[in-house]
Amino acid sequence: MTITAAPTVKDRCLEVRGKVILTHVTGNIVVSPVVGTESAFLGATSTVSSSRHVFDLGILQCSNGNSIAAPEEREESALEDEFSSDSEEPTTENTCYILLLPVLDGQFRTTLQGTQSNELQLCIERDAYVQASQSLEAAFVNSGDNPFELIGDSIKILEKHKGTFCHLENKRIPAHLDWFGWSTWDAFYTEVSPQGIKEGLQSFLNEGCSPKFIIIDDGWQETLNTFRKEGESVIEGTQFATRLIDIKENKKFTNAGSENSCNNLHDFVDSIKQNMNVKYVYMWHTLTGYWGGVLPSSDALKKYNPKILYPIQSPGTTGNLRDVAMDSLEKYGVGIIDPEKLYDFYNDSHSYLASCGVDGVKVDVQI
């Protein structure tokens, strides 16, 4: 009997290379082989359309020598977790590694989740206005003898099949990676200003090592700390509760009339590009806009329907290992944009920066 590496479902069991990976596989699970490979996609169908489905894949089965990789949902990365039936180290002989990778399927994204009964589930979701009754390419399954080669080869298969991204070997490296650049953070922290940036760039020029690109870090945005009264000293932690109140630059970059200031961000970016040999300018912001998110009462941001959420403390993060930023966010909350308005928020923010001559962004606080 010939044992193939291609994933198949037989007698309600998902088998890869003749090894049972999942039992009690439900009837709505679909296996779609990838032509020309020994890999396949796992998908599922439903009788109803929805923007979010949770499908039961089956009960996870692991024996000594079997490994299952269940990484994050991004197609470009993978994180391997090994499971064994006992505490002994698996031998390299006849070891088979299985990669189970959630991927993007059209407008839907997939994540893997488990239950207390060791059941593996596919969670397929998208914005509420996009609905479907099936996702046939929700997760990618492949196998190999070498875990590192397995991951790399799998990404190459996905690159060819999906056509939506490039493997690292085929990505075009941005030109600025070969240039010397400067971030304003260590020089100014949040006190960054047009005058300070120009003085810093001039000092580089004087020493003959002019930066070709610059990152204007934290301190350029229009923000408000509602937990600190004017004239009071900063209470530790409240700086991380400061919220964004406009997508445009703050008054430091719009203070016309001073010899060393500028009329607006556009004028400043144009000035340093024309006079300071800077080719690219990048602006800093956090994933939620600012450390404490956005201010719901802001007139400029109300159209994005923001609201305050309070993150739940993660297990194992108490005591000396606690992070002051996370403590602050748990205590004061985060101003989150309505998910249905996220595209508008980012599109408006980045379009405005582009109109000012900004070439890109550095996105912080992506946890």
Protein backbone atom coordinates (compact mmCIF):
# COMPACT_ATOMS: atom_id res chain seq x y z
CA MET A 1 0.00 0.00 0.00
CA THR A 2 1.32 3.42 -0.94
CA ILE A 3 1.07 6.12 1.71
CA THR A 4 0.78 9.61 0.25
CA ALA A 5 1.70 12.84 1.99
CA ALA A 6 -1.38 14.65 0.71
CA PRO A 7 -3.93 15.40 3.46
CA THR A 8 -7.13 13.38 3.19
CA VAL A 9 -10.23 12.72 5.27
CA LYS A 10 -11.09 9.04 5.75
CA ASP A 11 -13.59 7.61 8.21
CA ARG A 12 -13.95 11.07 9.78
CA CYS A 13 -10.18 11.29 10.35
CA LEU A 14 -7.79 13.82 8.84
CA GLU A 15 -4.69 11.91 7.78
CA VAL A 16 -1.36 13.30 6.62
CA ARG A 17 1.32 10.86 5.48
CA GLY A 18 -0.78 8.06 6.88
CA LYS A 19 -0.84 9.63 10.34
CA VAL A 20 -4.11 10.60 11.98
CA ILE A 21 -4.01 14.28 12.92
CA LEU A 22 -7.68 14.91 13.70
CA THR A 23 -10.53 12.58 14.61
CA HIS A 24 -14.29 13.27 14.64
CA VAL A 25 -13.93 15.51 11.59
CA THR A 26 -17.35 16.98 10.83
CA GLY A 27 -19.11 16.42 7.52
CA ASN A 28 -18.96 20.06 6.43
CA ILE A 29 -15.15 20.13 6.38
CA VAL A 30 -13.74 20.23 2.84
CA VAL A 31 -10.22 19.20 1.79
CA SER A 32 -8.98 20.80 -1.46
CA PRO A 33 -5.61 19.50 -2.77
CA VAL A 34 -3.16 22.05 -4.19
CA VAL A 35 -2.35 20.90 -7.73
CA GLY A 36 1.24 19.77 -8.23
CA THR A 37 1.97 19.48 -4.50
CA GLU A 38 1.30 17.16 -1.59
CA SER A 39 -0.41 19.93 0.35
CA ALA A 40 -4.05 20.96 0.65
CA PHE A 41 -6.46 23.56 1.99
CA LEU A 42 -8.99 22.94 4.72
CA GLY A 43 -12.30 24.72 4.41
CA ALA A 44 -15.88 24.44 5.58
CA THR A 45 -19.43 25.12 4.46
CA SER A 46 -22.49 26.35 6.31
CA THR A 47 -26.23 26.49 5.64
CA VAL A 48 -26.32 30.20 6.51
CA SER A 49 -24.39 33.27 5.42
CA SER A 50 -22.56 35.28 8.05
CA SER A 51 -19.59 37.57 8.54
CA ARG A 52 -18.25 35.19 11.20
CA HIS A 53 -18.22 31.40 11.34
CA VAL A 54 -16.70 29.02 13.88
CA PHE A 55 -16.30 25.53 12.39
CA ASP A 56 -15.35 22.43 14.38
CA LEU A 57 -12.42 20.73 12.66
CA GLY A 58 -12.09 17.72 14.93
CA ILE A 59 -10.23 16.43 17.97
CA LEU A 60 -6.49 16.91 17.86
CA GLN A 61 -4.46 13.71 17.92
CA CYS A 62 -0.71 13.73 18.54
CA SER A 63 1.72 10.89 18.97
CA ASN A 64 5.43 10.84 19.66
CA GLY A 65 7.27 12.03 16.59
CA ASN A 66 4.35 14.05 15.25
CA SER A 67 4.53 17.83 15.30
CA ILE A 68 1.84 20.30 14.46
CA ALA A 69 2.52 23.93 13.63
CA ALA A 70 -0.39 26.19 14.48
CA PRO A 71 0.87 29.74 13.82
CA GLU A 72 -0.60 33.20 13.57
CA GLU A 73 -3.02 34.03 10.75
CA ARG A 74 -0.50 35.93 8.59
CA GLU A 75 0.58 34.02 5.53
CA GLU A 76 4.14 35.34 5.66
CA SER A 77 4.99 33.98 9.09
CA ALA A 78 4.66 30.77 11.08
CA LEU A 79 5.28 29.67 14.65
CA GLU A 80 5.85 26.02 15.43
CA ASP A 81 4.46 24.30 18.50
CA GLU A 82 5.37 20.70 19.19
CA PHE A 83 3.08 18.24 20.93
CA SER A 84 4.13 14.84 22.22
CA SER A 85 2.33 12.00 23.98
CA ASP A 86 5.07 11.72 26.62
CA SER A 87 7.98 13.69 28.03
CA GLU A 88 10.62 11.89 25.95
CA GLU A 89 12.39 13.77 23.19
CA PRO A 90 11.21 12.56 19.77
CA THR A 91 13.82 10.82 17.65
CA THR A 92 14.77 12.32 14.31
CA GLU A 93 14.26 9.00 12.54
CA ASN A 94 10.89 8.89 10.73
CA THR A 95 9.88 12.20 12.31
CA CYS A 96 7.11 13.92 10.41
CA TYR A 97 6.27 17.59 10.83
CA ILE A 98 2.79 18.88 10.01
CA LEU A 99 2.11 22.54 9.23
CA LEU A 100 -1.43 23.78 9.81
CA LEU A 101 -1.48 27.42 8.80
CA PRO A 102 -4.52 29.78 8.91
CA VAL A 103 -4.58 31.96 5.79
CA LEU A 104 -6.60 34.68 4.13
CA ASP A 105 -9.41 33.44 1.90
CA GLY A 106 -10.67 36.29 -0.24
CA GLN A 107 -12.08 38.92 2.12
CA PHE A 108 -12.07 36.55 5.10
CA ARG A 109 -9.29 35.81 7.56
CA THR A 110 -8.91 32.65 9.60
CA THR A 111 -7.58 31.91 13.06
CA LEU A 112 -7.21 28.60 14.88
CA GLN A 113 -8.68 28.14 18.32
CA GLY A 114 -9.15 25.25 20.70
CA THR A 115 -11.58 24.01 23.31
CA GLN A 116 -11.10 22.35 26.69
CA SER A 117 -11.95 19.03 25.09
CA ASN A 118 -8.92 19.29 22.76
CA GLU A 119 -11.11 20.18 19.82
CA LEU A 120 -9.62 22.34 17.08
CA GLN A 121 -11.76 25.02 15.47
CA LEU A 122 -11.56 27.37 12.49
CA CYS A 123 -12.76 30.90 13.14
CA ILE A 124 -13.46 32.66 9.85
CA GLU A 125 -14.45 36.32 10.01
CA ARG A 126 -14.72 39.64 8.21
CA ASP A 127 -16.45 43.00 8.64
CA ALA A 128 -20.17 42.71 9.24
CA TYR A 129 -21.16 43.96 5.78
CA VAL A 130 -19.36 41.04 4.06
CA GLN A 131 -21.12 37.69 4.45
CA ALA A 132 -20.60 34.19 3.05
CA SER A 133 -21.73 30.63 3.68
CA GLN A 134 -18.41 28.93 2.99
CA SER A 135 -14.65 29.30 3.04
CA LEU A 136 -12.86 26.59 1.08
CA GLU A 137 -9.30 27.83 1.62
CA ALA A 138 -9.33 28.76 5.28
CA ALA A 139 -6.24 26.83 6.42
CA PHE A 140 -3.24 25.36 4.62
CA VAL A 141 -1.88 21.89 5.46
CA ASN A 142 1.53 20.59 4.47
CA SER A 143 4.09 18.13 5.80
CA GLY A 144 7.81 17.52 5.69
CA ASP A 145 10.84 16.01 7.38
CA ASN A 146 12.51 19.33 8.21
CA PRO A 147 10.42 21.97 10.05
CA PHE A 148 12.40 24.92 8.71
CA GLU A 149 12.29 23.78 5.09
CA LEU A 150 8.61 22.90 5.55
CA ILE A 151 7.69 26.44 6.51
CA GLY A 152 9.71 28.02 3.71
CA ASP A 153 8.42 25.63 1.06
CA SER A 154 4.83 26.11 2.24
CA ILE A 155 5.06 29.88 1.95
CA LYS A 156 6.38 29.49 -1.59
CA ILE A 157 3.41 27.26 -2.47
CA LEU A 158 1.02 29.84 -1.02
CA GLU A 159 2.81 32.63 -2.85
CA LYS A 160 2.26 30.88 -6.18
CA HIS A 161 -1.31 29.81 -5.43
CA LYS A 162 -2.62 33.01 -3.83
CA GLY A 163 -0.72 35.56 -5.87
CA THR A 164 -1.28 38.19 -3.17
CA PHE A 165 2.16 38.36 -1.56
CA CYS A 166 5.79 37.47 -2.16
CA HIS A 167 8.11 35.12 -0.35
CA LEU A 168 11.01 36.91 1.32
CA GLU A 169 13.39 35.75 -1.42
CA ASN A 170 11.24 37.46 -4.05
CA LYS A 171 10.48 40.69 -2.25
CA ARG A 172 11.98 43.90 -3.55
CA ILE A 173 14.13 45.49 -0.86
CA PRO A 174 13.28 49.19 -0.32
CA ALA A 175 16.07 51.47 -1.49
CA HIS A 176 16.26 53.32 1.84
CA LEU A 177 17.55 50.19 3.63
CA ASP A 178 20.96 50.91 2.11
CA TRP A 179 20.93 54.48 3.40
CA PHE A 180 21.73 56.10 6.71
CA GLY A 181 18.59 57.35 8.49
CA TRP A 182 17.67 59.15 11.68
CA SER A 183 14.77 58.77 14.13
CA THR A 184 13.94 61.78 16.28
CA TRP A 185 12.95 59.71 19.34
CA ASP A 186 16.22 59.46 21.27
CA ALA A 187 17.07 63.09 20.53
CA PHE A 188 13.75 64.69 21.53
CA TYR A 189 11.28 62.09 22.80
CA THR A 190 7.84 63.75 22.66
CA GLU A 191 9.38 67.26 22.61
CA VAL A 192 10.20 66.96 18.91
CA SER A 193 9.76 70.21 16.94
CA PRO A 194 10.54 71.54 13.44
CA GLN A 195 13.34 73.70 14.79
CA GLY A 196 14.90 70.81 16.69
CA ILE A 197 14.71 68.52 13.65
CA LYS A 198 16.36 71.11 11.42
CA GLU A 199 19.12 71.69 13.95
CA GLY A 200 19.68 67.96 14.21
CA LEU A 201 19.84 67.51 10.46
CA GLN A 202 22.23 70.45 10.19
CA SER A 203 24.54 68.87 12.78
CA PHE A 204 24.69 65.73 10.66
CA LEU A 205 25.42 67.82 7.58
CA ASN A 206 28.22 69.61 9.39
CA GLU A 207 29.86 66.27 10.13
CA GLY A 208 29.48 65.02 6.57
CA CYS A 209 26.97 62.19 7.30
CA SER A 210 23.65 63.52 6.10
CA PRO A 211 20.68 61.18 6.74
CA LYS A 212 18.80 60.26 3.58
CA PHE A 213 15.60 59.44 5.46
CA ILE A 214 14.08 60.56 8.74
CA ILE A 215 11.43 59.17 11.08
CA ILE A 216 9.53 61.92 12.89
CA ASP A 217 8.61 59.99 16.01
CA ASP A 218 6.12 60.52 18.86
CA GLY A 219 5.31 64.18 19.55
CA TRP A 220 4.02 65.52 16.22
CA GLN A 221 0.33 64.61 16.67
CA GLU A 222 -2.55 66.58 18.15
CA THR A 223 -3.32 64.80 21.43
CA LEU A 224 -4.97 65.41 24.81
CA ASN A 225 -4.40 63.96 28.26
CA THR A 226 -7.77 64.27 30.01
CA PHE A 227 -6.34 62.76 33.20
CA ARG A 228 -3.93 65.63 33.86
CA LYS A 229 -4.92 69.20 34.70
CA GLU A 230 -2.87 72.07 33.36
CA GLY A 231 0.04 72.92 35.64
CA GLU A 232 -0.03 69.56 37.44
CA SER A 233 2.88 67.16 37.29
CA VAL A 234 2.43 64.00 35.24
CA ILE A 235 1.10 61.02 37.18
CA GLU A 236 3.05 57.92 36.17
CA GLY A 237 1.09 55.94 33.62
CA THR A 238 -1.31 58.65 32.53
CA GLN A 239 0.95 59.59 29.64
CA PHE A 240 -0.11 56.31 28.06
CA ALA A 241 -3.75 57.30 28.46
CA THR A 242 -3.24 60.37 26.26
CA ARG A 243 -5.56 60.23 23.27
CA LEU A 244 -5.52 61.44 19.67
CA ILE A 245 -7.90 64.31 18.90
CA ASP A 246 -7.08 64.98 15.22
CA ILE A 247 -5.34 63.23 12.34
CA LYS A 248 -3.45 66.43 11.51
CA GLU A 249 -0.22 67.75 13.04
CA ASN A 250 -0.14 69.73 16.29
CA LYS A 251 0.57 73.43 16.70
CA LYS A 252 4.34 72.92 16.89
CA PHE A 253 4.21 72.21 13.15
CA THR A 254 1.68 74.93 12.29
CA ASN A 255 3.18 77.85 14.20
CA ALA A 256 3.61 80.38 11.40
CA GLY A 257 5.54 83.58 11.91
CA SER A 258 8.58 82.35 13.81
CA GLU A 259 11.90 82.33 11.99
CA ASN A 260 12.59 78.66 12.69
CA SER A 261 9.03 77.36 12.43
CA CYS A 262 6.84 76.33 9.50
CA ASN A 263 3.34 77.03 8.24
CA ASN A 264 2.26 73.40 8.26
CA LEU A 265 3.54 69.83 7.94
CA HIS A 266 3.56 70.04 4.16
CA ASP A 267 5.84 73.08 4.20
CA PHE A 268 8.15 71.49 6.74
CA VAL A 269 8.51 68.21 4.84
CA ASP A 270 9.12 70.09 1.60
CA SER A 271 11.71 72.28 3.33
CA ILE A 272 13.86 69.46 4.71
CA LYS A 273 13.65 67.55 1.44
CA GLN A 274 14.70 70.59 -0.58
CA ASN A 275 17.34 72.01 1.77
CA MET A 276 18.60 69.18 3.99
CA ASN A 277 19.21 66.37 1.45
CA VAL A 278 16.40 64.23 2.94
CA LYS A 279 14.84 61.86 0.40
CA TYR A 280 12.18 60.14 2.50
CA VAL A 281 10.15 61.26 5.51
CA TYR A 282 8.23 58.82 7.72
CA MET A 283 5.80 59.64 10.53
CA TRP A 284 5.20 57.67 13.73
CA HIS A 285 1.80 56.61 15.04
CA THR A 286 0.41 53.71 17.03
CA LEU A 287 -1.95 51.09 15.68
CA THR A 288 -4.85 52.75 17.51
CA GLY A 289 -3.76 56.28 16.59
CA TYR A 290 -2.01 57.10 19.86
CA TRP A 291 -1.06 55.33 23.10
CA GLY A 292 -4.51 55.77 24.62
CA GLY A 293 -6.26 55.49 21.27
CA VAL A 294 -8.55 58.28 20.08
CA LEU A 295 -10.74 60.64 22.10
CA PRO A 296 -14.45 59.83 21.51
CA SER A 297 -15.50 63.41 22.25
CA SER A 298 -13.14 64.88 19.63
CA ASP A 299 -15.10 66.80 16.99
CA ALA A 300 -12.56 65.84 14.33
CA LEU A 301 -12.81 62.11 15.10
CA LYS A 302 -16.47 61.62 16.02
CA LYS A 303 -17.25 60.44 12.49
CA TYR A 304 -15.25 57.26 13.17
CA ASN A 305 -17.56 56.31 16.07
CA PRO A 306 -14.81 55.66 18.66
CA LYS A 307 -15.51 54.27 22.11
CA ILE A 308 -13.49 53.43 25.21
CA LEU A 309 -12.59 49.79 25.83
CA TYR A 310 -10.79 48.37 28.87
CA PRO A 311 -8.32 45.59 28.05
CA ILE A 312 -8.47 42.46 30.20
CA GLN A 313 -5.30 41.77 32.14
CA SER A 314 -3.38 38.90 30.63
CA PRO A 315 -2.58 35.91 32.86
CA GLY A 316 0.92 35.83 34.26
CA THR A 317 1.57 39.56 33.94
CA THR A 318 1.20 40.60 37.56
CA GLY A 319 3.95 41.72 39.91
CA ASN A 320 7.32 43.10 38.87
CA LEU A 321 6.82 41.97 35.28
CA ARG A 322 3.90 44.33 34.80
CA ASP A 323 4.33 46.97 32.11
CA VAL A 324 3.43 50.56 33.01
CA ALA A 325 1.81 51.11 29.60
CA MET A 326 -0.45 48.08 29.95
CA ASP A 327 -1.30 49.05 33.53
CA SER A 328 -2.39 52.44 32.23
CA LEU A 329 -4.48 51.03 29.40
CA GLU A 330 -6.24 48.63 31.78
CA LYS A 331 -7.00 51.45 34.22
CA TYR A 332 -7.93 54.27 31.83
CA GLY A 333 -9.02 52.31 28.76
CA VAL A 334 -8.25 52.71 25.06
CA GLY A 335 -10.20 54.80 22.55
CA ILE A 336 -10.98 52.32 19.76
CA ILE A 337 -12.33 53.20 16.31
CA ASP A 338 -15.54 51.46 15.23
CA PRO A 339 -14.36 48.43 13.17
CA GLU A 340 -16.63 49.49 10.31
CA LYS A 341 -14.89 52.88 10.25
CA LEU A 342 -11.31 51.59 10.46
CA TYR A 343 -10.71 51.78 6.73
CA ASP A 344 -11.94 55.37 6.63
CA PHE A 345 -9.78 56.32 9.61
CA TYR A 346 -6.55 54.88 8.19
CA ASN A 347 -7.33 56.02 4.66
CA ASP A 348 -8.02 59.58 5.81
CA SER A 349 -4.94 59.65 8.07
CA HIS A 350 -2.51 58.26 5.53
CA SER A 351 -4.00 60.22 2.64
CA TYR A 352 -3.48 63.41 4.61
CA LEU A 353 0.14 62.51 5.37
CA ALA A 354 0.73 61.65 1.71
CA SER A 355 -0.67 65.04 0.71
CA CYS A 356 1.95 66.60 2.98
CA GLY A 357 4.76 64.81 1.15
CA VAL A 358 5.20 62.06 3.77
CA ASP A 359 6.46 58.80 2.26
CA GLY A 360 5.41 56.25 4.89
CA VAL A 361 4.66 55.51 8.52
CA LYS A 362 6.21 53.69 11.47
CA VAL A 363 3.42 51.86 13.29
CA ASP A 364 4.01 51.28 17.00
CA VAL A 365 2.14 49.42 19.80
CA GLN A 366 1.04 46.51 17.63
CA ILE A 367 0.17 44.25 20.60
